[in-house]
C-alpha cells in the first residue's frame, strides 16, 4: 500500500486489477490530506486520488480507464459549485 504517481502516458498502462471496494476522487488537497492522516483507506479499501483543485488531463484519462476496466463504484468528494459539476458531469452539463 502506498502512493504512486499517475503516468502521463495512459496508453502504456496495461490490464488493471484491484481488490479495492471503490474509487474515491477528492477534489481539494486539504480534505485528501485529512483522510490520509486518518488512514481512511485502511478502514475502507479503496483507490484514493486527489484532484488538487483541478485534475490534469492524464489524471482524468487514468480515472476514466480505471472506471471502465475495474468493476467497482466511483465516488467523488467535491465542493458543490459550477466547476465541480463540470468535473463530475462533463462539459455538456
PDB file of N, CA and C in Angstrom:
ATOM      1  N   UNK A   1       0.847  -1.168   0.000  1.00  0.00           N
ATOM      2  CA  UNK A   1       0.000   0.000   0.000  1.00  0.00           C
ATOM      3  C   UNK A   1       0.889   1.227   0.000  1.00  0.00           C
ATOM      4  N   UNK A   2       0.569   2.170  -0.832  1.00  0.00           N
ATOM      5  CA  UNK A   2       1.346   3.394  -0.875  1.00  0.00           C
ATOM      6  C   UNK A   2       0.980   4.213  -2.085  1.00  0.00           C
ATOM      7  N   UNK A   3       1.405   5.453  -2.060  1.00  0.00           N
ATOM      8  CA  UNK A   3       1.075   6.353  -3.147  1.00  0.00           C
ATOM      9  C   UNK A   3       1.929   6.131  -4.376  1.00  0.00           C
ATOM     10  N   UNK A   4       1.335   6.365  -5.494  1.00  0.00           N
ATOM     11  CA  UNK A   4       2.022   6.257  -6.785  1.00  0.00           C
ATOM     12  C   UNK A   4       1.620   7.450  -7.638  1.00  0.00           C
ATOM     13  N   UNK A   5       2.537   7.909  -8.450  1.00  0.00           N
ATOM     14  CA  UNK A   5       2.230   8.984  -9.394  1.00  0.00           C
ATOM     15  C   UNK A   5       1.466   8.416 -10.585  1.00  0.00           C
ATOM     16  N   UNK A   6       0.546   9.193 -11.110  1.00  0.00           N
ATOM     17  CA  UNK A   6      -0.206   8.777 -12.292  1.00  0.00           C
ATOM     18  C   UNK A   6       0.657   9.073 -13.512  1.00  0.00           C
ATOM     19  N   UNK A   7       0.881   8.074 -14.356  1.00  0.00           N
ATOM     20  CA  UNK A   7       1.768   8.274 -15.509  1.00  0.00           C
ATOM     21  C   UNK A   7       1.153   9.233 -16.528  1.00  0.00           C
ATOM     22  N   UNK A   8       1.997  10.039 -17.189  1.00  0.00           N
ATOM     23  CA  UNK A   8       1.466  10.980 -18.176  1.00  0.00           C
ATOM     24  C   UNK A   8       0.956  10.301 -19.446  1.00  0.00           C
ATOM     25  N   UNK A   9       1.477   9.114 -19.772  1.00  0.00           N
ATOM     26  CA  UNK A   9       1.054   8.399 -20.974  1.00  0.00           C
ATOM     27  C   UNK A   9       0.207   7.193 -20.565  1.00  0.00           C
ATOM     28  N   UNK A  10      -1.101   7.363 -20.581  1.00  0.00           N
ATOM     29  CA  UNK A  10      -2.030   6.332 -20.121  1.00  0.00           C
ATOM     30  C   UNK A  10      -2.027   5.120 -21.048  1.00  0.00           C
ATOM     31  N   UNK A  11      -1.661   5.304 -22.301  1.00  0.00           N
ATOM     32  CA  UNK A  11      -1.651   4.190 -23.256  1.00  0.00           C
ATOM     33  C   UNK A  11      -0.708   3.072 -22.835  1.00  0.00           C
ATOM     34  N   UNK A  12       0.293   3.392 -22.042  1.00  0.00           N
ATOM     35  CA  UNK A  12       1.256   2.380 -21.600  1.00  0.00           C
ATOM     36  C   UNK A  12       0.778   1.575 -20.395  1.00  0.00           C
ATOM     37  N   UNK A  13      -0.344   1.963 -19.802  1.00  0.00           N
ATOM     38  CA  UNK A  13      -0.885   1.239 -18.652  1.00  0.00           C
ATOM     39  C   UNK A  13      -1.581  -0.011 -19.166  1.00  0.00           C
ATOM     40  N   UNK A  14      -1.176  -1.164 -18.635  1.00  0.00           N
ATOM     41  CA  UNK A  14      -1.742  -2.438 -19.087  1.00  0.00           C
ATOM     42  C   UNK A  14      -3.050  -2.762 -18.393  1.00  0.00           C
ATOM     43  N   UNK A  15      -3.352  -4.041 -18.325  1.00  0.00           N
ATOM     44  CA  UNK A  15      -4.576  -4.501 -17.673  1.00  0.00           C
ATOM     45  C   UNK A  15      -4.574  -4.098 -16.203  1.00  0.00           C
ATOM     46  N   UNK A  16      -5.722  -3.672 -15.725  1.00  0.00           N
ATOM     47  CA  UNK A  16      -5.841  -3.226 -14.341  1.00  0.00           C
ATOM     48  C   UNK A  16      -6.579  -4.265 -13.525  1.00  0.00           C
ATOM     49  N   UNK A  17      -6.091  -4.491 -12.312  1.00  0.00           N
ATOM     50  CA  UNK A  17      -6.751  -5.361 -11.349  1.00  0.00           C
ATOM     51  C   UNK A  17      -6.651  -4.695  -9.991  1.00  0.00           C
ATOM     52  N   UNK A  18      -7.673  -4.872  -9.157  1.00  0.00           N
ATOM     53  CA  UNK A  18      -7.654  -4.262  -7.833  1.00  0.00           C
ATOM     54  C   UNK A  18      -8.600  -5.004  -6.904  1.00  0.00           C
ATOM     55  N   UNK A  19      -8.245  -5.013  -5.621  1.00  0.00           N
ATOM     56  CA  UNK A  19      -9.116  -5.548  -4.576  1.00  0.00           C
ATOM     57  C   UNK A  19      -9.900  -4.434  -3.894  1.00  0.00           C
ATOM     58  N   UNK A  20      -9.793  -3.219  -4.397  1.00  0.00           N
ATOM     59  CA  UNK A  20     -10.463  -2.067  -3.791  1.00  0.00           C
ATOM     60  C   UNK A  20     -11.979  -2.209  -3.895  1.00  0.00           C
ATOM     61  N   UNK A  21     -12.670  -1.641  -2.901  1.00  0.00           N
ATOM     62  CA  UNK A  21     -14.132  -1.643  -2.899  1.00  0.00           C
ATOM     63  C   UNK A  21     -14.684  -0.551  -3.813  1.00  0.00           C
ATOM     64  N   UNK A  22     -13.925   0.554  -3.942  1.00  0.00           N
ATOM     65  CA  UNK A  22     -14.380   1.688  -4.741  1.00  0.00           C
ATOM     66  C   UNK A  22     -13.205   2.609  -5.046  1.00  0.00           C
ATOM     67  N   UNK A  23     -13.453   3.554  -5.950  1.00  0.00           N
ATOM     68  CA  UNK A  23     -12.504   4.624  -6.259  1.00  0.00           C
ATOM     69  C   UNK A  23     -13.058   5.891  -5.620  1.00  0.00           C
ATOM     70  N   UNK A  24     -12.214   6.624  -4.888  1.00  0.00           N
ATOM     71  CA  UNK A  24     -12.633   7.884  -4.281  1.00  0.00           C
ATOM     72  C   UNK A  24     -11.758   9.008  -4.815  1.00  0.00           C
ATOM     73  N   UNK A  25     -12.377   9.952  -5.519  1.00  0.00           N
ATOM     74  CA  UNK A  25     -11.686  11.142  -6.011  1.00  0.00           C
ATOM     75  C   UNK A  25     -12.035  12.301  -5.093  1.00  0.00           C
ATOM     76  N   UNK A  26     -11.025  12.891  -4.463  1.00  0.00           N
ATOM     77  CA  UNK A  26     -11.214  14.032  -3.567  1.00  0.00           C
ATOM     78  C   UNK A  26     -10.726  15.274  -4.303  1.00  0.00           C
ATOM     79  N   UNK A  27     -11.624  16.241  -4.490  1.00  0.00           N
ATOM     80  CA  UNK A  27     -11.302  17.408  -5.320  1.00  0.00           C
ATOM     81  C   UNK A  27     -10.169  18.253  -4.740  1.00  0.00           C
ATOM     82  N   UNK A  28     -10.245  18.600  -3.485  1.00  0.00           N
ATOM     83  CA  UNK A  28      -9.265  19.508  -2.877  1.00  0.00           C
ATOM     84  C   UNK A  28      -8.232  18.732  -2.072  1.00  0.00           C
ATOM     85  N   UNK A  29      -7.060  19.303  -1.941  1.00  0.00           N
ATOM     86  CA  UNK A  29      -5.957  18.630  -1.269  1.00  0.00           C
ATOM     87  C   UNK A  29      -6.139  18.562   0.249  1.00  0.00           C
ATOM     88  N   UNK A  30      -6.728  19.596   0.885  1.00  0.00           N
ATOM     89  CA  UNK A  30      -6.872  19.619   2.343  1.00  0.00           C
ATOM     90  C   UNK A  30      -7.709  18.446   2.867  1.00  0.00           C
ATOM     91  N   UNK A  31      -8.913  18.187   2.323  1.00  0.00           N
ATOM     92  CA  UNK A  31      -9.657  17.017   2.806  1.00  0.00           C
ATOM     93  C   UNK A  31      -8.954  15.706   2.469  1.00  0.00           C
ATOM     94  N   UNK A  32      -8.238  15.672   1.362  1.00  0.00           N
ATOM     95  CA  UNK A  32      -7.479  14.472   0.989  1.00  0.00           C
ATOM     96  C   UNK A  32      -6.412  14.173   2.044  1.00  0.00           C
ATOM     97  N   UNK A  33      -5.675  15.207   2.449  1.00  0.00           N
ATOM     98  CA  UNK A  33      -4.632  15.023   3.460  1.00  0.00           C
ATOM     99  C   UNK A  33      -5.244  14.564   4.775  1.00  0.00           C
ATOM    100  N   UNK A  34      -6.376  15.160   5.153  1.00  0.00           N
ATOM    101  CA  UNK A  34      -7.035  14.766   6.408  1.00  0.00           C
ATOM    102  C   UNK A  34      -7.455  13.300   6.359  1.00  0.00           C
ATOM    103  N   UNK A  35      -8.070  12.874   5.277  1.00  0.00           N
ATOM    104  CA  UNK A  35      -8.475  11.472   5.139  1.00  0.00           C
ATOM    105  C   UNK A  35      -7.264  10.548   5.128  1.00  0.00           C
ATOM    106  N   UNK A  36      -6.177  10.995   4.521  1.00  0.00           N
ATOM    107  CA  UNK A  36      -4.946  10.192   4.508  1.00  0.00           C
ATOM    108  C   UNK A  36      -4.360  10.084   5.911  1.00  0.00           C
ATOM    109  N   UNK A  37      -4.351  11.193   6.671  1.00  0.00           N
ATOM    110  CA  UNK A  37      -3.856  11.163   8.050  1.00  0.00           C
ATOM    111  C   UNK A  37      -4.676  10.209   8.910  1.00  0.00           C
ATOM    112  N   UNK A  38      -5.975  10.166   8.672  1.00  0.00           N
ATOM    113  CA  UNK A  38      -6.864   9.263   9.415  1.00  0.00           C
ATOM    114  C   UNK A  38      -6.817   7.837   8.878  1.00  0.00           C
ATOM    115  N   UNK A  39      -6.038   7.617   7.832  1.00  0.00           N
ATOM    116  CA  UNK A  39      -5.893   6.305   7.190  1.00  0.00           C
ATOM    117  C   UNK A  39      -7.255   5.718   6.783  1.00  0.00           C
ATOM    118  N   UNK A  40      -8.029   6.570   6.137  1.00  0.00           N
ATOM    119  CA  UNK A  40      -9.354   6.189   5.630  1.00  0.00           C
ATOM    120  C   UNK A  40      -9.280   4.924   4.782  1.00  0.00           C
ATOM    121  N   UNK A  41      -8.231   4.815   3.992  1.00  0.00           N
ATOM    122  CA  UNK A  41      -8.056   3.681   3.082  1.00  0.00           C
ATOM    123  C   UNK A  41      -7.850   2.354   3.809  1.00  0.00           C
ATOM    124  N   UNK A  42      -7.474   2.367   5.083  1.00  0.00           N
ATOM    125  CA  UNK A  42      -7.363   1.114   5.842  1.00  0.00           C
ATOM    126  C   UNK A  42      -8.727   0.602   6.285  1.00  0.00           C
ATOM    127  N   UNK A  43      -9.634   1.514   6.611  1.00  0.00           N
ATOM    128  CA  UNK A  43     -10.986   1.112   7.013  1.00  0.00           C
ATOM    129  C   UNK A  43     -11.827   0.714   5.813  1.00  0.00           C
ATOM    130  N   UNK A  44     -11.616   1.406   4.724  1.00  0.00           N
ATOM    131  CA  UNK A  44     -12.367   1.154   3.502  1.00  0.00           C
ATOM    132  C   UNK A  44     -11.369   0.969   2.364  1.00  0.00           C
ATOM    133  N   UNK A  45     -11.056  -0.262   1.993  1.00  0.00           N
ATOM    134  CA  UNK A  45     -10.077  -0.486   0.919  1.00  0.00           C
ATOM    135  C   UNK A  45     -10.538   0.201  -0.374  1.00  0.00           C
ATOM    136  N   UNK A  46      -9.794   1.200  -0.786  1.00  0.00           N
ATOM    137  CA  UNK A  46     -10.210   1.980  -1.953  1.00  0.00           C
ATOM    138  C   UNK A  46      -8.995   2.504  -2.701  1.00  0.00           C
ATOM    139  N   UNK A  47      -9.244   2.960  -3.900  1.00  0.00           N
ATOM    140  CA  UNK A  47      -8.254   3.696  -4.674  1.00  0.00           C
ATOM    141  C   UNK A  47      -8.550   5.157  -4.387  1.00  0.00           C
ATOM    142  N   UNK A  48      -7.598   5.814  -3.769  1.00  0.00           N
ATOM    143  CA  UNK A  48      -7.781   7.121  -3.154  1.00  0.00           C
ATOM    144  C   UNK A  48      -6.971   8.139  -3.955  1.00  0.00           C
ATOM    145  N   UNK A  49      -7.648   9.083  -4.634  1.00  0.00           N
ATOM    146  CA  UNK A  49      -6.980  10.010  -5.553  1.00  0.00           C
ATOM    147  C   UNK A  49      -7.386  11.440  -5.219  1.00  0.00           C
ATOM    148  N   UNK A  50      -6.442  12.373  -5.304  1.00  0.00           N
ATOM    149  CA  UNK A  50      -6.779  13.787  -5.157  1.00  0.00           C
ATOM    150  C   UNK A  50      -6.657  14.486  -6.511  1.00  0.00           C
ATOM    151  N   UNK A  51      -7.564  15.406  -6.742  1.00  0.00           N
ATOM    152  CA  UNK A  51      -7.522  16.202  -7.972  1.00  0.00           C
ATOM    153  C   UNK A  51      -6.687  17.461  -7.772  1.00  0.00           C
ATOM    154  N   UNK A  52      -6.372  17.797  -6.527  1.00  0.00           N
ATOM    155  CA  UNK A  52      -5.620  19.013  -6.182  1.00  0.00           C
ATOM    156  C   UNK A  52      -6.247  20.242  -6.831  1.00  0.00           C
ATOM    157  N   UNK A  53      -7.549  20.353  -6.705  1.00  0.00           N
ATOM    158  CA  UNK A  53      -8.260  21.507  -7.263  1.00  0.00           C
ATOM    159  C   UNK A  53      -8.824  21.232  -8.634  1.00  0.00           C
ATOM    160  N   UNK A  54      -7.962  21.023  -9.592  1.00  0.00           N
ATOM    161  CA  UNK A  54      -8.410  20.721 -10.952  1.00  0.00           C
ATOM    162  C   UNK A  54      -7.517  19.620 -11.517  1.00  0.00           C
ATOM    163  N   UNK A  55      -8.103  18.465 -11.825  1.00  0.00           N
ATOM    164  CA  UNK A  55      -7.275  17.359 -12.313  1.00  0.00           C
ATOM    165  C   UNK A  55      -6.706  17.633 -13.703  1.00  0.00           C
ATOM    166  N   UNK A  56      -5.471  17.204 -13.913  1.00  0.00           N
ATOM    167  CA  UNK A  56      -4.866  17.356 -15.233  1.00  0.00           C
ATOM    168  C   UNK A  56      -5.428  16.303 -16.185  1.00  0.00           C
ATOM    169  N   UNK A  57      -5.085  16.412 -17.437  1.00  0.00           N
ATOM    170  CA  UNK A  57      -5.627  15.514 -18.465  1.00  0.00           C
ATOM    171  C   UNK A  57      -5.255  14.065 -18.177  1.00  0.00           C
ATOM    172  N   UNK A  58      -4.006  13.814 -17.792  1.00  0.00           N
ATOM    173  CA  UNK A  58      -3.568  12.439 -17.520  1.00  0.00           C
ATOM    174  C   UNK A  58      -4.380  11.819 -16.391  1.00  0.00           C
ATOM    175  N   UNK A  59      -4.649  12.601 -15.352  1.00  0.00           N
ATOM    176  CA  UNK A  59      -5.421  12.081 -14.222  1.00  0.00           C
ATOM    177  C   UNK A  59      -6.848  11.758 -14.653  1.00  0.00           C
ATOM    178  N   UNK A  60      -7.454  12.638 -15.440  1.00  0.00           N
ATOM    179  CA  UNK A  60      -8.822  12.378 -15.914  1.00  0.00           C
ATOM    180  C   UNK A  60      -8.879  11.134 -16.793  1.00  0.00           C
ATOM    181  N   UNK A  61      -7.911  10.982 -17.690  1.00  0.00           N
ATOM    182  CA  UNK A  61      -7.879   9.795 -18.558  1.00  0.00           C
ATOM    183  C   UNK A  61      -7.648   8.522 -17.749  1.00  0.00           C
ATOM    184  N   UNK A  62      -6.761   8.606 -16.753  1.00  0.00           N
ATOM    185  CA  UNK A  62      -6.474   7.447 -15.910  1.00  0.00           C
ATOM    186  C   UNK A  62      -7.706   7.044 -15.101  1.00  0.00           C
ATOM    187  N   UNK A  63      -8.409   8.014 -14.535  1.00  0.00           N
ATOM    188  CA  UNK A  63      -9.627   7.718 -13.775  1.00  0.00           C
ATOM    189  C   UNK A  63     -10.694   7.102 -14.678  1.00  0.00           C
ATOM    190  N   UNK A  64     -10.819   7.617 -15.883  1.00  0.00           N
ATOM    191  CA  UNK A  64     -11.782   7.048 -16.830  1.00  0.00           C
ATOM    192  C   UNK A  64     -11.422   5.599 -17.157  1.00  0.00           C
ATOM    193  N   UNK A  65     -10.134   5.347 -17.376  1.00  0.00           N
ATOM    194  CA  UNK A  65      -9.674   3.986 -17.680  1.00  0.00           C
ATOM    195  C   UNK A  65      -9.967   3.045 -16.508  1.00  0.00           C
ATOM    196  N   UNK A  66      -9.694   3.502 -15.274  1.00  0.00           N
ATOM    197  CA  UNK A  66      -9.985   2.671 -14.100  1.00  0.00           C
ATOM    198  C   UNK A  66     -11.476   2.386 -13.988  1.00  0.00           C
ATOM    199  N   UNK A  67     -12.279   3.420 -14.179  1.00  0.00           N
ATOM    200  CA  UNK A  67     -13.729   3.254 -14.063  1.00  0.00           C
ATOM    201  C   UNK A  67     -14.253   2.249 -15.085  1.00  0.00           C
ATOM    202  N   UNK A  68     -13.688   2.255 -16.289  1.00  0.00           N
ATOM    203  CA  UNK A  68     -14.161   1.361 -17.339  1.00  0.00           C
ATOM    204  C   UNK A  68     -13.636  -0.066 -17.169  1.00  0.00           C
ATOM    205  N   UNK A  69     -12.401  -0.228 -16.672  1.00  0.00           N
ATOM    206  CA  UNK A  69     -11.804  -1.560 -16.590  1.00  0.00           C
ATOM    207  C   UNK A  69     -12.084  -2.289 -15.277  1.00  0.00           C
ATOM    208  N   UNK A  70     -12.207  -1.550 -14.185  1.00  0.00           N
ATOM    209  CA  UNK A  70     -12.458  -2.178 -12.891  1.00  0.00           C
ATOM    210  C   UNK A  70     -13.958  -2.186 -12.625  1.00  0.00           C
ATOM    211  N   UNK A  71     -14.446  -3.247 -12.095  1.00  0.00           N
ATOM    212  CA  UNK A  71     -15.883  -3.352 -11.822  1.00  0.00           C
ATOM    213  C   UNK A  71     -16.122  -2.948 -10.367  1.00  0.00           C
ATOM    214  N   UNK A  72     -15.938  -1.651 -10.091  1.00  0.00           N
ATOM    215  CA  UNK A  72     -16.149  -1.113  -8.751  1.00  0.00           C
ATOM    216  C   UNK A  72     -16.817   0.250  -8.865  1.00  0.00           C
ATOM    217  N   UNK A  73     -17.371   0.718  -7.749  1.00  0.00           N
ATOM    218  CA  UNK A  73     -18.050   2.017  -7.722  1.00  0.00           C
ATOM    219  C   UNK A  73     -17.043   3.157  -7.763  1.00  0.00           C
ATOM    220  N   UNK A  74     -17.510   4.321  -8.202  1.00  0.00           N
ATOM    221  CA  UNK A  74     -16.682   5.519  -8.305  1.00  0.00           C
ATOM    222  C   UNK A  74     -17.393   6.637  -7.558  1.00  0.00           C
ATOM    223  N   UNK A  75     -16.726   7.214  -6.555  1.00  0.00           N
ATOM    224  CA  UNK A  75     -17.304   8.300  -5.763  1.00  0.00           C
ATOM    225  C   UNK A  75     -16.404   9.518  -5.839  1.00  0.00           C
ATOM    226  N   UNK A  76     -17.036  10.700  -5.703  1.00  0.00           N
ATOM    227  CA  UNK A  76     -16.286  11.952  -5.673  1.00  0.00           C
ATOM    228  C   UNK A  76     -16.673  12.737  -4.436  1.00  0.00           C
ATOM    229  N   UNK A  77     -15.681  13.331  -3.812  1.00  0.00           N
ATOM    230  CA  UNK A  77     -15.898  14.251  -2.706  1.00  0.00           C
ATOM    231  C   UNK A  77     -15.464  15.619  -3.214  1.00  0.00           C
ATOM    232  N   UNK A  78     -16.446  16.515  -3.442  1.00  0.00           N
ATOM    233  CA  UNK A  78     -16.116  17.817  -4.008  1.00  0.00           C
ATOM    234  C   UNK A  78     -17.055  18.879  -3.479  1.00  0.00           C
ATOM    235  N   UNK A  79     -16.615  20.121  -3.604  1.00  0.00           N
ATOM    236  CA  UNK A  79     -17.450  21.251  -3.234  1.00  0.00           C
ATOM    237  C   UNK A  79     -18.514  21.414  -4.306  1.00  0.00           C
ATOM    238  N   UNK A  80     -19.703  21.778  -3.885  1.00  0.00           N
ATOM    239  CA  UNK A  80     -20.793  21.907  -4.842  1.00  0.00           C
ATOM    240  C   UNK A  80     -20.772  23.309  -5.457  1.00  0.00           C
ATOM    241  N   UNK A  81     -20.099  23.419  -6.573  1.00  0.00           N
ATOM    242  CA  UNK A  81     -20.076  24.666  -7.328  1.00  0.00           C
ATOM    243  C   UNK A  81     -20.043  24.325  -8.815  1.00  0.00           C
ATOM    244  N   UNK A  82     -20.123  25.324  -9.640  1.00  0.00           N
ATOM    245  CA  UNK A  82     -20.214  25.101 -11.084  1.00  0.00           C
ATOM    246  C   UNK A  82     -19.010  24.329 -11.629  1.00  0.00           C
ATOM    247  N   UNK A  83     -17.816  24.647 -11.150  1.00  0.00           N
ATOM    248  CA  UNK A  83     -16.615  23.971 -11.631  1.00  0.00           C
ATOM    249  C   UNK A  83     -16.641  22.490 -11.271  1.00  0.00           C
ATOM    250  N   UNK A  84     -17.055  22.168 -10.048  1.00  0.00           N
ATOM    251  CA  UNK A  84     -17.123  20.771  -9.620  1.00  0.00           C
ATOM    252  C   UNK A  84     -18.134  19.991 -10.444  1.00  0.00           C
ATOM    253  N   UNK A  85     -19.235  20.613 -10.791  1.00  0.00           N
ATOM    254  CA  UNK A  85     -20.229  19.940 -11.624  1.00  0.00           C
ATOM    255  C   UNK A  85     -19.635  19.585 -12.977  1.00  0.00           C
ATOM    256  N   UNK A  86     -18.744  20.437 -13.483  1.00  0.00           N
ATOM    257  CA  UNK A  86     -18.080  20.156 -14.760  1.00  0.00           C
ATOM    258  C   UNK A  86     -17.239  18.891 -14.657  1.00  0.00           C
ATOM    259  N   UNK A  87     -16.497  18.719 -13.553  1.00  0.00           N
ATOM    260  CA  UNK A  87     -15.670  17.525 -13.379  1.00  0.00           C
ATOM    261  C   UNK A  87     -16.532  16.273 -13.381  1.00  0.00           C
ATOM    262  N   UNK A  88     -17.662  16.355 -12.673  1.00  0.00           N
ATOM    263  CA  UNK A  88     -18.484  15.169 -12.464  1.00  0.00           C
ATOM    264  C   UNK A  88     -19.342  14.829 -13.678  1.00  0.00           C
ATOM    265  N   UNK A  89     -20.006  15.820 -14.233  1.00  0.00           N
ATOM    266  CA  UNK A  89     -20.969  15.562 -15.297  1.00  0.00           C
ATOM    267  C   UNK A  89     -20.404  15.752 -16.703  1.00  0.00           C
ATOM    268  N   UNK A  90     -19.278  16.408 -16.833  1.00  0.00           N
ATOM    269  CA  UNK A  90     -18.700  16.646 -18.151  1.00  0.00           C
ATOM    270  C   UNK A  90     -19.040  18.029 -18.660  1.00  0.00           C
ATOM    271  N   UNK A  91     -18.436  18.393 -19.771  1.00  0.00           N
ATOM    272  CA  UNK A  91     -18.572  19.754 -20.268  1.00  0.00           C
ATOM    273  C   UNK A  91     -19.939  20.057 -20.852  1.00  0.00           C
ATOM    274  N   UNK A  92     -20.755  19.057 -21.136  1.00  0.00           N
ATOM    275  CA  UNK A  92     -22.081  19.303 -21.708  1.00  0.00           C
ATOM    276  C   UNK A  92     -23.136  19.577 -20.652  1.00  0.00           C
ATOM    277  N   UNK A  93     -22.750  19.608 -19.370  1.00  0.00           N
ATOM    278  CA  UNK A  93     -23.724  19.821 -18.300  1.00  0.00           C
ATOM    279  C   UNK A  93     -24.270  21.222 -18.339  1.00  0.00           C
TER     280      UNK A  93
END
